[in-house]
Amino acid sequence: MEDEGSHVRERSLAAPLIFLIVAAFQFAYYCLDHVAKQSGSDREKEDRLRAEIKQLLKEASSMSQPSTFARAAKLKRLATAKERELSKWSLLSWKSGGVQSNSAPIGIISWLVICARVCRFVRRAYSK
């Protein structure tokens, strides 16, 4: 008799649990989609910085006269500063890859943390 009662209780908890899991996945998809849209603007900033650096170095190399040496040195320093800024952007946005068709880039460390949490959740759910 008690077995039937616990079986009914388990069945009654299954539906809300499935609903919560589906809702969590939909929320995660929404968050990842939002991050992917923001990272596109980050990629545009990186591309713009690369183009500026290339243009500055091109202008600096075209100035070979002694009278334009100071201007060329200033452009080289500016290009170096922009390269440092680009390297900071690259370190902050360390990702596993670019945005591809309908997928969001996730960093390796955050991916490992998510996998560990999911494994822990599944292990606890099935160990009961």
C-alpha atoms as a PDB file:
ATOM      1  CA  MET A   1       0.000   0.000   0.000  1.00  0.00           C
ATOM      2  CA  GLU A   2       2.824   2.397   0.817  1.00  0.00           C
ATOM      3  CA  ASP A   3       4.527   1.548  -2.474  1.00  0.00           C
ATOM      4  CA  GLU A   4       1.525   2.792  -4.423  1.00  0.00           C
ATOM      5  CA  GLY A   5       1.450   6.039  -2.416  1.00  0.00           C
ATOM      6  CA  SER A   6       5.128   6.775  -3.044  1.00  0.00           C
ATOM      7  CA  HIS A   7       4.726   5.889  -6.731  1.00  0.00           C
ATOM      8  CA  VAL A   8       1.825   8.353  -7.058  1.00  0.00           C
ATOM      9  CA  ARG A   9       3.862  11.017  -5.271  1.00  0.00           C
ATOM     10  CA  GLU A  10       6.823  10.443  -7.623  1.00  0.00           C
ATOM     11  CA  ARG A  11       4.567  10.699 -10.655  1.00  0.00           C
ATOM     12  CA  SER A  12       3.011  13.900  -9.349  1.00  0.00           C
ATOM     13  CA  LEU A  13       6.474  15.451  -8.909  1.00  0.00           C
ATOM     14  CA  ALA A  14       7.666  14.387 -12.367  1.00  0.00           C
ATOM     15  CA  ALA A  15       5.527  16.887 -14.295  1.00  0.00           C
ATOM     16  CA  PRO A  16       6.646  19.998 -12.378  1.00  0.00           C
ATOM     17  CA  LEU A  17      10.252  18.790 -12.499  1.00  0.00           C
ATOM     18  CA  ILE A  18      10.110  18.380 -16.280  1.00  0.00           C
ATOM     19  CA  PHE A  19       8.485  21.802 -16.594  1.00  0.00           C
ATOM     20  CA  LEU A  20      11.273  23.391 -14.545  1.00  0.00           C
ATOM     21  CA  ILE A  21      13.962  21.667 -16.615  1.00  0.00           C
ATOM     22  CA  VAL A  22      12.400  22.829 -19.896  1.00  0.00           C
ATOM     23  CA  ALA A  23      11.981  26.357 -18.524  1.00  0.00           C
ATOM     24  CA  ALA A  24      15.629  26.382 -17.416  1.00  0.00           C
ATOM     25  CA  PHE A  25      16.807  25.308 -20.869  1.00  0.00           C
ATOM     26  CA  GLN A  26      14.683  27.967 -22.541  1.00  0.00           C
ATOM     27  CA  PHE A  27      16.037  30.609 -20.175  1.00  0.00           C
ATOM     28  CA  ALA A  28      19.607  29.440 -20.847  1.00  0.00           C
ATOM     29  CA  TYR A  29      18.971  29.604 -24.603  1.00  0.00           C
ATOM     30  CA  TYR A  30      17.630  33.152 -24.233  1.00  0.00           C
ATOM     31  CA  CYS A  31      20.682  34.207 -22.189  1.00  0.00           C
ATOM     32  CA  LEU A  32      23.127  32.620 -24.639  1.00  0.00           C
ATOM     33  CA  ASP A  33      21.352  34.262 -27.571  1.00  0.00           C
ATOM     34  CA  HIS A  34      21.621  37.624 -25.814  1.00  0.00           C
ATOM     35  CA  VAL A  35      25.353  37.054 -25.166  1.00  0.00           C
ATOM     36  CA  ALA A  36      25.874  36.094 -28.809  1.00  0.00           C
ATOM     37  CA  LYS A  37      24.280  39.325 -29.977  1.00  0.00           C
ATOM     38  CA  GLN A  38      26.505  41.353 -27.649  1.00  0.00           C
ATOM     39  CA  SER A  39      29.650  39.494 -28.676  1.00  0.00           C
ATOM     40  CA  GLY A  40      28.942  40.460 -32.286  1.00  0.00           C
ATOM     41  CA  SER A  41      29.425  44.087 -31.319  1.00  0.00           C
ATOM     42  CA  ASP A  42      32.649  43.120 -29.528  1.00  0.00           C
ATOM     43  CA  ARG A  43      33.901  41.467 -32.695  1.00  0.00           C
ATOM     44  CA  GLU A  44      33.072  44.638 -34.637  1.00  0.00           C
ATOM     45  CA  LYS A  45      35.098  46.693 -32.137  1.00  0.00           C
ATOM     46  CA  GLU A  46      38.056  44.327 -32.519  1.00  0.00           C
ATOM     47  CA  ASP A  47      37.844  44.503 -36.314  1.00  0.00           C
ATOM     48  CA  ARG A  48      37.640  48.304 -36.178  1.00  0.00           C
ATOM     49  CA  LEU A  49      40.711  48.452 -33.922  1.00  0.00           C
ATOM     50  CA  ARG A  50      42.646  46.157 -36.273  1.00  0.00           C
ATOM     51  CA  ALA A  51      41.734  48.372 -39.230  1.00  0.00           C
ATOM     52  CA  GLU A  52      42.834  51.504 -37.341  1.00  0.00           C
ATOM     53  CA  ILE A  53      46.141  49.891 -36.387  1.00  0.00           C
ATOM     54  CA  LYS A  54      46.766  48.832 -39.972  1.00  0.00           C
ATOM     55  CA  GLN A  55      45.963  52.323 -41.259  1.00  0.00           C
ATOM     56  CA  LEU A  56      48.211  54.021 -38.680  1.00  0.00           C
ATOM     57  CA  LEU A  57      51.149  51.750 -39.484  1.00  0.00           C
ATOM     58  CA  LYS A  58      50.604  52.313 -43.198  1.00  0.00           C
ATOM     59  CA  GLU A  59      50.663  56.092 -42.719  1.00  0.00           C
ATOM     60  CA  ALA A  60      53.752  55.868 -40.500  1.00  0.00           C
ATOM     61  CA  SER A  61      55.647  53.771 -43.036  1.00  0.00           C
ATOM     62  CA  SER A  62      54.803  56.190 -45.840  1.00  0.00           C
ATOM     63  CA  MET A  63      56.524  59.038 -43.966  1.00  0.00           C
ATOM     64  CA  SER A  64      60.178  58.475 -44.706  1.00  0.00           C
ATOM     65  CA  GLN A  65      61.403  62.081 -44.850  1.00  0.00           C
ATOM     66  CA  PRO A  66      63.451  63.459 -41.948  1.00  0.00           C
ATOM     67  CA  SER A  67      60.975  66.315 -41.567  1.00  0.00           C
ATOM     68  CA  THR A  68      58.112  63.878 -40.935  1.00  0.00           C
ATOM     69  CA  PHE A  69      60.026  61.616 -38.536  1.00  0.00           C
ATOM     70  CA  ALA A  70      58.276  63.013 -35.441  1.00  0.00           C
ATOM     71  CA  ARG A  71      54.855  62.521 -37.015  1.00  0.00           C
ATOM     72  CA  ALA A  72      55.736  58.927 -38.012  1.00  0.00           C
ATOM     73  CA  ALA A  73      56.985  58.178 -34.487  1.00  0.00           C
ATOM     74  CA  LYS A  74      53.759  59.566 -33.037  1.00  0.00           C
ATOM     75  CA  LEU A  75      51.680  57.375 -35.364  1.00  0.00           C
ATOM     76  CA  LYS A  76      53.729  54.303 -34.390  1.00  0.00           C
ATOM     77  CA  ARG A  77      53.198  55.044 -30.689  1.00  0.00           C
ATOM     78  CA  LEU A  78      49.469  55.457 -31.314  1.00  0.00           C
ATOM     79  CA  ALA A  79      49.391  52.134 -33.195  1.00  0.00           C
ATOM     80  CA  THR A  80      51.227  50.457 -30.301  1.00  0.00           C
ATOM     81  CA  ALA A  81      48.696  51.847 -27.824  1.00  0.00           C
ATOM     82  CA  LYS A  82      45.847  50.550 -29.962  1.00  0.00           C
ATOM     83  CA  GLU A  83      47.534  47.124 -30.147  1.00  0.00           C
ATOM     84  CA  ARG A  84      47.649  47.036 -26.341  1.00  0.00           C
ATOM     85  CA  GLU A  85      43.969  47.952 -26.230  1.00  0.00           C
ATOM     86  CA  LEU A  86      43.227  45.181 -28.732  1.00  0.00           C
ATOM     87  CA  SER A  87      45.150  42.649 -26.651  1.00  0.00           C
ATOM     88  CA  LYS A  88      43.095  43.656 -23.591  1.00  0.00           C
ATOM     89  CA  TRP A  89      39.898  43.099 -25.599  1.00  0.00           C
ATOM     90  CA  SER A  90      41.214  39.718 -26.709  1.00  0.00           C
ATOM     91  CA  LEU A  91      41.981  38.674 -23.137  1.00  0.00           C
ATOM     92  CA  LEU A  92      38.592  39.822 -21.864  1.00  0.00           C
ATOM     93  CA  SER A  93      36.710  38.032 -24.599  1.00  0.00           C
ATOM     94  CA  TRP A  94      38.599  34.725 -24.531  1.00  0.00           C
ATOM     95  CA  LYS A  95      36.194  32.438 -26.326  1.00  0.00           C
ATOM     96  CA  SER A  96      36.269  29.042 -27.887  1.00  0.00           C
ATOM     97  CA  GLY A  97      35.303  30.342 -31.311  1.00  0.00           C
ATOM     98  CA  GLY A  98      33.363  32.895 -33.247  1.00  0.00           C
ATOM     99  CA  VAL A  99      29.638  33.225 -33.508  1.00  0.00           C
ATOM    100  CA  GLN A 100      28.426  30.706 -36.031  1.00  0.00           C
ATOM    101  CA  SER A 101      24.977  29.947 -37.315  1.00  0.00           C
ATOM    102  CA  ASN A 102      22.613  30.135 -34.340  1.00  0.00           C
ATOM    103  CA  SER A 103      25.187  29.209 -31.686  1.00  0.00           C
ATOM    104  CA  ALA A 104      26.776  31.224 -28.932  1.00  0.00           C
ATOM    105  CA  PRO A 105      30.466  31.227 -28.044  1.00  0.00           C
ATOM    106  CA  ILE A 106      31.238  30.033 -24.529  1.00  0.00           C
ATOM    107  CA  GLY A 107      34.611  30.239 -22.845  1.00  0.00           C
ATOM    108  CA  ILE A 108      36.344  27.003 -21.922  1.00  0.00           C
ATOM    109  CA  ILE A 109      36.344  27.684 -18.184  1.00  0.00           C
ATOM    110  CA  SER A 110      32.677  28.621 -18.077  1.00  0.00           C
ATOM    111  CA  TRP A 111      31.858  25.522 -20.163  1.00  0.00           C
ATOM    112  CA  LEU A 112      33.658  23.307 -17.642  1.00  0.00           C
ATOM    113  CA  VAL A 113      31.819  24.950 -14.738  1.00  0.00           C
ATOM    114  CA  ILE A 114      28.451  24.460 -16.435  1.00  0.00           C
ATOM    115  CA  CYS A 115      29.229  20.823 -17.246  1.00  0.00           C
ATOM    116  CA  ALA A 116      30.283  20.146 -13.660  1.00  0.00           C
ATOM    117  CA  ARG A 117      27.090  21.694 -12.292  1.00  0.00           C
ATOM    118  CA  VAL A 118      24.877  19.762 -14.695  1.00  0.00           C
ATOM    119  CA  CYS A 119      26.657  16.497 -13.858  1.00  0.00           C
ATOM    120  CA  ARG A 120      26.278  17.192 -10.142  1.00  0.00           C
ATOM    121  CA  PHE A 121      22.570  17.980 -10.611  1.00  0.00           C
ATOM    122  CA  VAL A 122      21.954  14.808 -12.614  1.00  0.00           C
ATOM    123  CA  ARG A 123      23.893  12.677 -10.120  1.00  0.00           C
ATOM    124  CA  ARG A 124      21.866  14.065  -7.215  1.00  0.00           C
ATOM    125  CA  ALA A 125      18.596  13.638  -9.102  1.00  0.00           C
ATOM    126  CA  TYR A 126      19.257   9.972  -9.897  1.00  0.00           C
ATOM    127  CA  SER A 127      20.857   9.045  -6.581  1.00  0.00           C
ATOM    128  CA  LYS A 128      17.610   9.612  -4.657  1.00  0.00           C
END
